Each structure stands twice: as structure tokens, then as C-alpha cells.
């Protein structure tokens, strides 16, 4: 009984994860990825020597 319940729980969790990843991939992303880049200046995390 517990084996069937465990397998069913794992399958449901995997299905929920796959739905989240495949249908809504932007929910867990970094919002900085959507800021447009400016090619004329150096990003602040790059320090000149």
C-alpha cells in the first residue's frame, strides 16, 4: 500500500514540477535578465584593474 502511495506522490510532484518548468519557465527566473543591455558602458560588477 505504501509503495503505491509513494510512487503516486512522486509522480504527482514530478508532474507539478514539469508543469511549472515547461509552461511557466519565467516564474523562478532572475528579473535582471529582462533589463535591456547598454553596450556603451561597462557593467558595474566588472572592475577595471
PDB file of N, CA and C in Angstrom:
ATOM      1  N   UNK A   1       0.833  -1.207   0.000  1.00  0.00           N
ATOM      2  CA  UNK A   1       0.000   0.000   0.000  1.00  0.00           C
ATOM      3  C   UNK A   1       0.862   1.249   0.000  1.00  0.00           C
ATOM      4  N   UNK A   2       1.878   1.267   0.885  1.00  0.00           N
ATOM      5  CA  UNK A   2       2.703   2.467   0.983  1.00  0.00           C
ATOM      6  C   UNK A   2       3.562   2.669  -0.259  1.00  0.00           C
ATOM      7  N   UNK A   3       3.958   1.580  -0.891  1.00  0.00           N
ATOM      8  CA  UNK A   3       4.756   1.710  -2.108  1.00  0.00           C
ATOM      9  C   UNK A   3       3.949   2.384  -3.201  1.00  0.00           C
ATOM     10  N   UNK A   4       2.703   1.977  -3.384  1.00  0.00           N
ATOM     11  CA  UNK A   4       1.844   2.584  -4.404  1.00  0.00           C
ATOM     12  C   UNK A   4       1.610   4.054  -4.072  1.00  0.00           C
ATOM     13  N   UNK A   5       1.391   4.346  -2.796  1.00  0.00           N
ATOM     14  CA  UNK A   5       1.153   5.729  -2.390  1.00  0.00           C
ATOM     15  C   UNK A   5       2.399   6.580  -2.613  1.00  0.00           C
ATOM     16  N   UNK A   6       3.582   6.030  -2.302  1.00  0.00           N
ATOM     17  CA  UNK A   6       4.822   6.774  -2.513  1.00  0.00           C
ATOM     18  C   UNK A   6       5.067   7.032  -3.995  1.00  0.00           C
ATOM     19  N   UNK A   7       4.847   6.020  -4.831  1.00  0.00           N
ATOM     20  CA  UNK A   7       5.045   6.195  -6.272  1.00  0.00           C
ATOM     21  C   UNK A   7       4.061   7.221  -6.815  1.00  0.00           C
ATOM     22  N   UNK A   8       2.819   7.168  -6.364  1.00  0.00           N
ATOM     23  CA  UNK A   8       1.822   8.142  -6.814  1.00  0.00           C
ATOM     24  C   UNK A   8       2.206   9.556  -6.375  1.00  0.00           C
ATOM     25  N   UNK A   9       2.699   9.699  -5.148  1.00  0.00           N
ATOM     26  CA  UNK A   9       3.126  11.014  -4.676  1.00  0.00           C
ATOM     27  C   UNK A   9       4.299  11.554  -5.464  1.00  0.00           C
ATOM     28  N   UNK A  10       5.266  10.687  -5.780  1.00  0.00           N
ATOM     29  CA  UNK A  10       6.420  11.120  -6.574  1.00  0.00           C
ATOM     30  C   UNK A  10       5.970  11.529  -7.967  1.00  0.00           C
ATOM     31  N   UNK A  11       5.053  10.762  -8.565  1.00  0.00           N
ATOM     32  CA  UNK A  11       4.569  11.101  -9.907  1.00  0.00           C
ATOM     33  C   UNK A  11       3.819  12.429  -9.901  1.00  0.00           C
ATOM     34  N   UNK A  12       3.011  12.671  -8.880  1.00  0.00           N
ATOM     35  CA  UNK A  12       2.277  13.941  -8.806  1.00  0.00           C
ATOM     36  C   UNK A  12       3.245  15.105  -8.633  1.00  0.00           C
ATOM     37  N   UNK A  13       4.259  14.935  -7.771  1.00  0.00           N
ATOM     38  CA  UNK A  13       5.235  16.002  -7.577  1.00  0.00           C
ATOM     39  C   UNK A  13       6.024  16.268  -8.861  1.00  0.00           C
ATOM     40  N   UNK A  14       6.394  15.198  -9.576  1.00  0.00           N
ATOM     41  CA  UNK A  14       7.108  15.380 -10.835  1.00  0.00           C
ATOM     42  C   UNK A  14       6.232  16.062 -11.875  1.00  0.00           C
ATOM     43  N   UNK A  15       4.954  15.708 -11.921  1.00  0.00           N
ATOM     44  CA  UNK A  15       4.055  16.357 -12.871  1.00  0.00           C
ATOM     45  C   UNK A  15       3.911  17.844 -12.557  1.00  0.00           C
ATOM     46  N   UNK A  16       3.776  18.180 -11.267  1.00  0.00           N
ATOM     47  CA  UNK A  16       3.673  19.596 -10.903  1.00  0.00           C
ATOM     48  C   UNK A  16       4.950  20.346 -11.264  1.00  0.00           C
ATOM     49  N   UNK A  17       6.106  19.728 -11.019  1.00  0.00           N
ATOM     50  CA  UNK A  17       7.372  20.373 -11.371  1.00  0.00           C
ATOM     51  C   UNK A  17       7.490  20.550 -12.879  1.00  0.00           C
ATOM     52  N   UNK A  18       7.091  19.537 -13.646  1.00  0.00           N
ATOM     53  CA  UNK A  18       7.180  19.641 -15.100  1.00  0.00           C
ATOM     54  C   UNK A  18       6.222  20.710 -15.635  1.00  0.00           C
ATOM     55  N   UNK A  19       5.024  20.806 -15.057  1.00  0.00           N
ATOM     56  CA  UNK A  19       4.090  21.852 -15.480  1.00  0.00           C
ATOM     57  C   UNK A  19       4.683  23.225 -15.193  1.00  0.00           C
ATOM     58  N   UNK A  20       5.284  23.377 -14.001  1.00  0.00           N
ATOM     59  CA  UNK A  20       5.889  24.662 -13.648  1.00  0.00           C
ATOM     60  C   UNK A  20       7.033  25.003 -14.591  1.00  0.00           C
ATOM     61  N   UNK A  21       7.895  24.041 -14.876  1.00  0.00           N
ATOM     62  CA  UNK A  21       9.082  24.312 -15.681  1.00  0.00           C
ATOM     63  C   UNK A  21       8.723  24.499 -17.154  1.00  0.00           C
ATOM     64  N   UNK A  22       7.807  23.700 -17.669  1.00  0.00           N
ATOM     65  CA  UNK A  22       7.542  23.735 -19.104  1.00  0.00           C
ATOM     66  C   UNK A  22       6.539  24.816 -19.501  1.00  0.00           C
ATOM     67  N   UNK A  23       5.557  25.098 -18.657  1.00  0.00           N
ATOM     68  CA  UNK A  23       4.537  26.069 -19.030  1.00  0.00           C
ATOM     69  C   UNK A  23       4.813  27.459 -18.473  1.00  0.00           C
ATOM     70  N   UNK A  24       5.488  27.557 -17.319  1.00  0.00           N
ATOM     71  CA  UNK A  24       5.764  28.858 -16.703  1.00  0.00           C
ATOM     72  C   UNK A  24       7.242  28.972 -16.353  1.00  0.00           C
ATOM     73  N   UNK A  25       8.132  28.971 -17.354  1.00  0.00           N
ATOM     74  CA  UNK A  25       9.571  28.952 -17.026  1.00  0.00           C
ATOM     75  C   UNK A  25      10.079  30.276 -16.464  1.00  0.00           C
ATOM     76  N   UNK A  26       9.322  31.361 -16.600  1.00  0.00           N
ATOM     77  CA  UNK A  26       9.817  32.662 -16.158  1.00  0.00           C
ATOM     78  C   UNK A  26       9.520  32.948 -14.692  1.00  0.00           C
ATOM     79  N   UNK A  27       8.772  32.095 -14.016  1.00  0.00           N
ATOM     80  CA  UNK A  27       8.391  32.392 -12.634  1.00  0.00           C
ATOM     81  C   UNK A  27       9.578  32.366 -11.690  1.00  0.00           C
ATOM     82  N   UNK A  28      10.513  31.451 -11.909  1.00  0.00           N
ATOM     83  CA  UNK A  28      11.637  31.300 -10.994  1.00  0.00           C
ATOM     84  C   UNK A  28      12.897  31.985 -11.510  1.00  0.00           C
ATOM     85  N   UNK A  29      12.773  32.773 -12.575  1.00  0.00           N
ATOM     86  CA  UNK A  29      13.947  33.382 -13.175  1.00  0.00           C
ATOM     87  C   UNK A  29      14.384  34.652 -12.478  1.00  0.00           C
ATOM     88  N   UNK A  30      15.525  35.161 -12.912  1.00  0.00           N
ATOM     89  CA  UNK A  30      16.082  36.388 -12.364  1.00  0.00           C
ATOM     90  C   UNK A  30      15.511  37.573 -13.140  1.00  0.00           C
ATOM     91  N   UNK A  31      14.897  38.541 -12.475  1.00  0.00           N
ATOM     92  CA  UNK A  31      14.326  39.670 -13.223  1.00  0.00           C
ATOM     93  C   UNK A  31      15.378  40.547 -13.892  1.00  0.00           C
ATOM     94  N   UNK A  32      16.645  40.451 -13.469  1.00  0.00           N
ATOM     95  CA  UNK A  32      17.695  41.232 -14.129  1.00  0.00           C
ATOM     96  C   UNK A  32      17.932  40.776 -15.557  1.00  0.00           C
ATOM     97  N   UNK A  33      17.488  39.586 -15.901  1.00  0.00           N
ATOM     98  CA  UNK A  33      17.692  39.101 -17.261  1.00  0.00           C
ATOM     99  C   UNK A  33      16.835  39.868 -18.270  1.00  0.00           C
ATOM    100  N   UNK A  34      15.835  40.598 -17.797  1.00  0.00           N
ATOM    101  CA  UNK A  34      14.928  41.277 -18.711  1.00  0.00           C
ATOM    102  C   UNK A  34      15.230  42.762 -18.847  1.00  0.00           C
ATOM    103  N   UNK A  35      16.280  43.252 -18.182  1.00  0.00           N
ATOM    104  CA  UNK A  35      16.655  44.651 -18.379  1.00  0.00           C
ATOM    105  C   UNK A  35      17.470  44.745 -19.662  1.00  0.00           C
ATOM    106  N   UNK A  36      17.150  45.703 -20.521  1.00  0.00           N
ATOM    107  CA  UNK A  36      17.897  45.798 -21.777  1.00  0.00           C
ATOM    108  C   UNK A  36      19.348  46.203 -21.523  1.00  0.00           C
ATOM    109  N   UNK A  37      20.237  45.633 -22.290  1.00  0.00           N
ATOM    110  CA  UNK A  37      21.664  45.892 -22.110  1.00  0.00           C
ATOM    111  C   UNK A  37      22.061  47.177 -22.822  1.00  0.00           C
ATOM    112  N   UNK A  38      23.008  47.876 -22.228  1.00  0.00           N
ATOM    113  CA  UNK A  38      23.576  49.069 -22.847  1.00  0.00           C
ATOM    114  C   UNK A  38      25.004  48.727 -23.256  1.00  0.00           C
ATOM    115  N   UNK A  39      25.288  48.646 -24.558  1.00  0.00           N
ATOM    116  CA  UNK A  39      26.632  48.237 -24.975  1.00  0.00           C
ATOM    117  C   UNK A  39      27.680  49.332 -24.807  1.00  0.00           C
ATOM    118  N   UNK A  40      27.270  50.540 -24.413  1.00  0.00           N
ATOM    119  CA  UNK A  40      28.227  51.637 -24.338  1.00  0.00           C
ATOM    120  C   UNK A  40      28.897  51.770 -22.978  1.00  0.00           C
ATOM    121  N   UNK A  41      28.431  51.065 -21.956  1.00  0.00           N
ATOM    122  CA  UNK A  41      29.108  51.171 -20.666  1.00  0.00           C
ATOM    123  C   UNK A  41      29.451  49.788 -20.127  1.00  0.00           C
ATOM    124  N   UNK A  42      30.402  49.786 -19.197  1.00  0.00           N
ATOM    125  CA  UNK A  42      30.841  48.536 -18.581  1.00  0.00           C
ATOM    126  C   UNK A  42      29.893  48.192 -17.436  1.00  0.00           C
ATOM    127  N   UNK A  43      29.506  46.942 -17.300  1.00  0.00           N
ATOM    128  CA  UNK A  43      28.649  46.571 -16.169  1.00  0.00           C
ATOM    129  C   UNK A  43      29.339  46.855 -14.835  1.00  0.00           C
ATOM    130  N   UNK A  44      28.562  47.159 -13.792  1.00  0.00           N
ATOM    131  CA  UNK A  44      29.186  47.553 -12.518  1.00  0.00           C
ATOM    132  C   UNK A  44      29.941  46.431 -11.824  1.00  0.00           C
ATOM    133  N   UNK A  45      29.673  45.168 -12.154  1.00  0.00           N
ATOM    134  CA  UNK A  45      30.393  44.100 -11.463  1.00  0.00           C
ATOM    135  C   UNK A  45      31.752  43.822 -12.082  1.00  0.00           C
ATOM    136  N   UNK A  46      32.091  44.484 -13.197  1.00  0.00           N
ATOM    137  CA  UNK A  46      33.405  44.323 -13.814  1.00  0.00           C
ATOM    138  C   UNK A  46      34.251  45.519 -13.408  1.00  0.00           C
ATOM    139  N   UNK A  47      35.285  45.262 -12.622  1.00  0.00           N
ATOM    140  CA  UNK A  47      36.138  46.337 -12.118  1.00  0.00           C
ATOM    141  C   UNK A  47      37.387  46.433 -12.994  1.00  0.00           C
ATOM    142  N   UNK A  48      37.702  47.603 -13.491  1.00  0.00           N
ATOM    143  CA  UNK A  48      38.965  47.748 -14.237  1.00  0.00           C
ATOM    144  C   UNK A  48      40.159  47.652 -13.286  1.00  0.00           C
ATOM    145  N   UNK A  49      41.245  47.142 -13.790  1.00  0.00           N
ATOM    146  CA  UNK A  49      42.422  46.953 -12.925  1.00  0.00           C
ATOM    147  C   UNK A  49      43.242  48.210 -12.781  1.00  0.00           C
TER     148      UNK A  49
END
